[in-house]
Amino acid sequence: MKEIFNDFVNGNATTKLSIISNISTILGVSVATFVAGPFLSKFAEMEFIVSDFIIAITFYFIYLWLAASTIYFSTKELVNSARNRNTSDIITKTIQLLLIAWAAIVIFPHAKYYTGNIFNTSYLLPPPAKKAISGLSKIKVDENNSNITVKGKVRTSIPRTKNENFSHLISMGYQ
């Protein structure tokens, strides 16, 4: 791994491109992925759009690459601090590593949807409402002054736990 990293840092553009290509292939961004894309989109009942698929694959690769490399370098610093037996630095680096891992997990859905909105990529966006909502019941319309509020229970086709409450998401006011 050190040799690959040194070749990437010190190598020319061709060497860097070949290393990125090899890692991309290892991560699954290969011909098989592009062959499987149309096949799997049939099961997901989605239209296969090559440009959306390429943007989604590129997004996942870049995000995972950044998250993994940041965690790797943070872990490397932590190991160096442990070898030097610097206790305060070990604590600081451990907290830093945990925060980086937490941030990578928390930021992922937001980055995915933001990228999906920028490029209008269907593979990075949540399912449309007509696929997510399977039914409505107990609908109540309130008219206050110039505001109309529609409230009700929504049955979703998305798996969720028994105690989840989406009422704060369902109530909408129109002016």
Protein backbone atom coordinates (compact mmCIF):
# COMPACT_ATOMS: atom_id res chain seq x y z
CA MET A 1 0.00 0.00 0.00
CA LYS A 2 2.88 2.36 0.81
CA GLU A 3 4.41 1.66 -2.59
CA ILE A 4 1.14 2.43 -4.37
CA PHE A 5 0.74 5.63 -2.38
CA ASN A 6 4.33 6.71 -3.15
CA ASP A 7 3.82 5.96 -6.85
CA PHE A 8 0.64 8.05 -6.80
CA VAL A 9 2.29 11.02 -5.05
CA ASN A 10 5.55 10.96 -7.02
CA GLY A 11 4.35 9.51 -10.34
CA ASN A 12 3.48 11.22 -13.57
CA ALA A 13 -0.07 11.70 -14.88
CA THR A 14 -0.13 8.29 -16.61
CA THR A 15 0.89 6.49 -13.42
CA LYS A 16 -1.73 8.36 -11.39
CA LEU A 17 -4.42 7.57 -13.95
CA SER A 18 -3.52 3.87 -13.97
CA ILE A 19 -3.63 3.71 -10.16
CA ILE A 20 -7.05 5.40 -10.08
CA SER A 21 -8.24 3.05 -12.84
CA ASN A 22 -7.05 -0.02 -10.93
CA ILE A 23 -8.68 1.11 -7.70
CA SER A 24 -11.91 1.95 -9.55
CA THR A 25 -11.96 -1.53 -11.03
CA ILE A 26 -11.37 -3.08 -7.61
CA LEU A 27 -14.25 -1.05 -6.17
CA GLY A 28 -16.60 -2.41 -8.80
CA VAL A 29 -16.67 0.42 -11.32
CA SER A 30 -16.02 -1.90 -14.21
CA VAL A 31 -17.66 -3.26 -17.32
CA ALA A 32 -19.71 -5.65 -15.18
CA THR A 33 -21.20 -2.69 -13.33
CA PHE A 34 -22.33 -1.05 -16.54
CA VAL A 35 -23.77 -4.34 -17.80
CA ALA A 36 -25.57 -4.93 -14.50
CA GLY A 37 -27.02 -1.39 -14.42
CA PRO A 38 -29.76 -1.90 -17.04
CA PHE A 39 -30.49 -5.38 -15.69
CA LEU A 40 -30.93 -4.18 -12.10
CA SER A 41 -32.97 -1.14 -13.15
CA LYS A 42 -35.64 -3.55 -14.44
CA PHE A 43 -36.00 -5.01 -10.92
CA ALA A 44 -36.14 -1.53 -9.37
CA GLU A 45 -38.77 -0.53 -11.94
CA MET A 46 -36.69 2.48 -12.94
CA GLU A 47 -35.78 3.72 -16.37
CA PHE A 48 -32.09 3.14 -17.09
CA ILE A 49 -30.38 6.40 -18.02
CA VAL A 50 -26.69 6.03 -18.81
CA SER A 51 -25.71 9.58 -17.84
CA ASP A 52 -27.52 9.31 -14.48
CA PHE A 53 -25.88 5.96 -13.86
CA ILE A 54 -22.38 7.31 -14.62
CA ILE A 55 -22.92 10.33 -12.35
CA ALA A 56 -24.18 8.08 -9.54
CA ILE A 57 -21.22 5.69 -9.88
CA THR A 58 -18.80 8.63 -9.97
CA PHE A 59 -20.42 10.19 -6.90
CA TYR A 60 -20.22 6.94 -4.90
CA PHE A 61 -16.59 6.40 -5.93
CA ILE A 62 -15.49 9.95 -5.04
CA TYR A 63 -17.39 9.97 -1.73
CA LEU A 64 -16.12 6.57 -0.64
CA TRP A 65 -12.59 7.46 -1.77
CA LEU A 66 -12.60 10.71 0.23
CA ALA A 67 -14.13 9.11 3.32
CA ALA A 68 -11.78 6.11 3.24
CA SER A 69 -8.65 8.18 2.63
CA THR A 70 -9.55 10.65 5.40
CA ILE A 71 -10.18 7.81 7.84
CA TYR A 72 -6.97 6.08 6.71
CA PHE A 73 -4.78 9.16 7.27
CA SER A 74 -6.45 9.89 10.60
CA THR A 75 -5.83 6.29 11.70
CA LYS A 76 -2.23 6.56 10.52
CA GLU A 77 -1.73 9.67 12.68
CA LEU A 78 -3.32 7.86 15.63
CA VAL A 79 -0.93 4.91 15.23
CA ASN A 80 2.06 7.27 15.05
CA SER A 81 0.90 8.98 18.25
CA ALA A 82 0.53 5.58 19.93
CA ARG A 83 4.07 4.62 18.90
CA ASN A 84 5.38 7.86 20.41
CA ARG A 85 3.33 7.19 23.57
CA ASN A 86 1.91 10.69 23.55
CA THR A 87 -1.25 10.20 25.62
CA SER A 88 -2.87 13.59 25.02
CA ASP A 89 -2.23 13.29 21.29
CA ILE A 90 -3.73 9.76 21.29
CA ILE A 91 -6.92 11.06 22.90
CA THR A 92 -7.12 13.97 20.46
CA LYS A 93 -6.52 11.74 17.42
CA THR A 94 -9.07 9.17 18.64
CA ILE A 95 -11.73 11.86 19.01
CA GLN A 96 -10.76 13.23 15.60
CA LEU A 97 -11.08 9.77 14.03
CA LEU A 98 -14.50 9.20 15.61
CA LEU A 99 -15.73 12.61 14.46
CA ILE A 100 -14.50 11.99 10.92
CA ALA A 101 -16.24 8.60 10.76
CA TRP A 102 -19.42 10.11 12.22
CA ALA A 103 -19.33 13.03 9.75
CA ALA A 104 -18.82 10.68 6.80
CA ILE A 105 -21.92 8.70 7.79
CA VAL A 106 -24.08 11.74 8.58
CA ILE A 107 -23.09 13.80 5.53
CA PHE A 108 -23.60 10.95 3.03
CA PRO A 109 -27.39 11.17 2.49
CA HIS A 110 -27.30 14.97 2.31
CA ALA A 111 -24.41 14.97 -0.17
CA LYS A 112 -26.15 12.27 -2.20
CA TYR A 113 -29.44 14.15 -2.48
CA TYR A 114 -27.69 17.51 -3.08
CA THR A 115 -25.67 15.95 -5.92
CA GLY A 116 -28.83 14.32 -7.24
CA ASN A 117 -30.59 17.69 -7.30
CA ILE A 118 -27.67 19.46 -9.00
CA PHE A 119 -27.35 16.89 -11.79
CA ASN A 120 -31.04 15.82 -11.71
CA THR A 121 -29.91 12.23 -11.31
CA SER A 122 -32.74 9.83 -10.51
CA TYR A 123 -30.41 7.25 -8.94
CA LEU A 124 -29.31 9.68 -6.21
CA LEU A 125 -32.76 11.06 -5.35
CA PRO A 126 -35.38 9.53 -3.04
CA PRO A 127 -38.32 7.73 -4.65
CA PRO A 128 -41.09 9.98 -5.98
CA ALA A 129 -44.06 10.55 -3.69
CA LYS A 130 -46.36 8.40 -5.82
CA LYS A 131 -44.10 5.39 -5.17
CA ALA A 132 -43.46 6.20 -1.49
CA ILE A 133 -47.07 6.89 -0.48
CA SER A 134 -49.45 3.95 -0.74
CA GLY A 135 -52.56 5.59 0.68
CA LEU A 136 -54.21 8.41 2.65
CA SER A 137 -56.82 8.24 5.41
CA LYS A 138 -58.52 10.52 7.95
CA ILE A 139 -57.99 13.58 5.78
CA LYS A 140 -58.94 16.89 7.39
CA VAL A 141 -58.86 20.29 5.69
CA ASP A 142 -58.55 23.38 7.92
CA GLU A 143 -59.10 26.88 6.57
CA ASN A 144 -57.72 29.67 8.76
CA ASN A 145 -57.87 33.16 7.26
CA SER A 146 -55.96 32.79 3.99
CA ASN A 147 -54.17 29.54 4.95
CA ILE A 148 -55.37 26.08 4.02
CA THR A 149 -53.90 23.16 5.98
CA VAL A 150 -54.37 19.54 4.93
CA LYS A 151 -53.82 16.91 7.63
CA GLY A 152 -54.19 13.17 7.57
CA LYS A 153 -52.57 9.78 7.95
CA VAL A 154 -50.28 8.59 5.22
CA ARG A 155 -49.50 4.92 4.60
CA THR A 156 -46.05 4.53 3.11
CA SER A 157 -44.63 1.73 1.05
CA ILE A 158 -41.22 2.40 2.61
CA PRO A 159 -40.35 -0.04 5.43
CA ARG A 160 -40.27 1.70 8.81
CA THR A 161 -40.54 0.89 12.49
CA LYS A 162 -43.89 0.69 14.24
CA ASN A 163 -43.39 3.80 16.39
CA GLU A 164 -42.25 6.26 13.71
CA ASN A 165 -44.38 9.38 13.49
CA PHE A 166 -44.35 11.32 10.24
CA SER A 167 -47.04 13.81 11.25
CA HIS A 168 -44.56 16.68 11.27
CA LEU A 169 -43.73 15.87 7.65
CA ILE A 170 -47.31 15.41 6.49
CA SER A 171 -48.90 18.65 7.72
CA MET A 172 -48.54 21.30 5.02
CA GLY A 173 -49.83 24.85 4.84
CA TYR A 174 -50.62 26.66 1.60
CA GLN A 175 -51.08 30.41 1.24
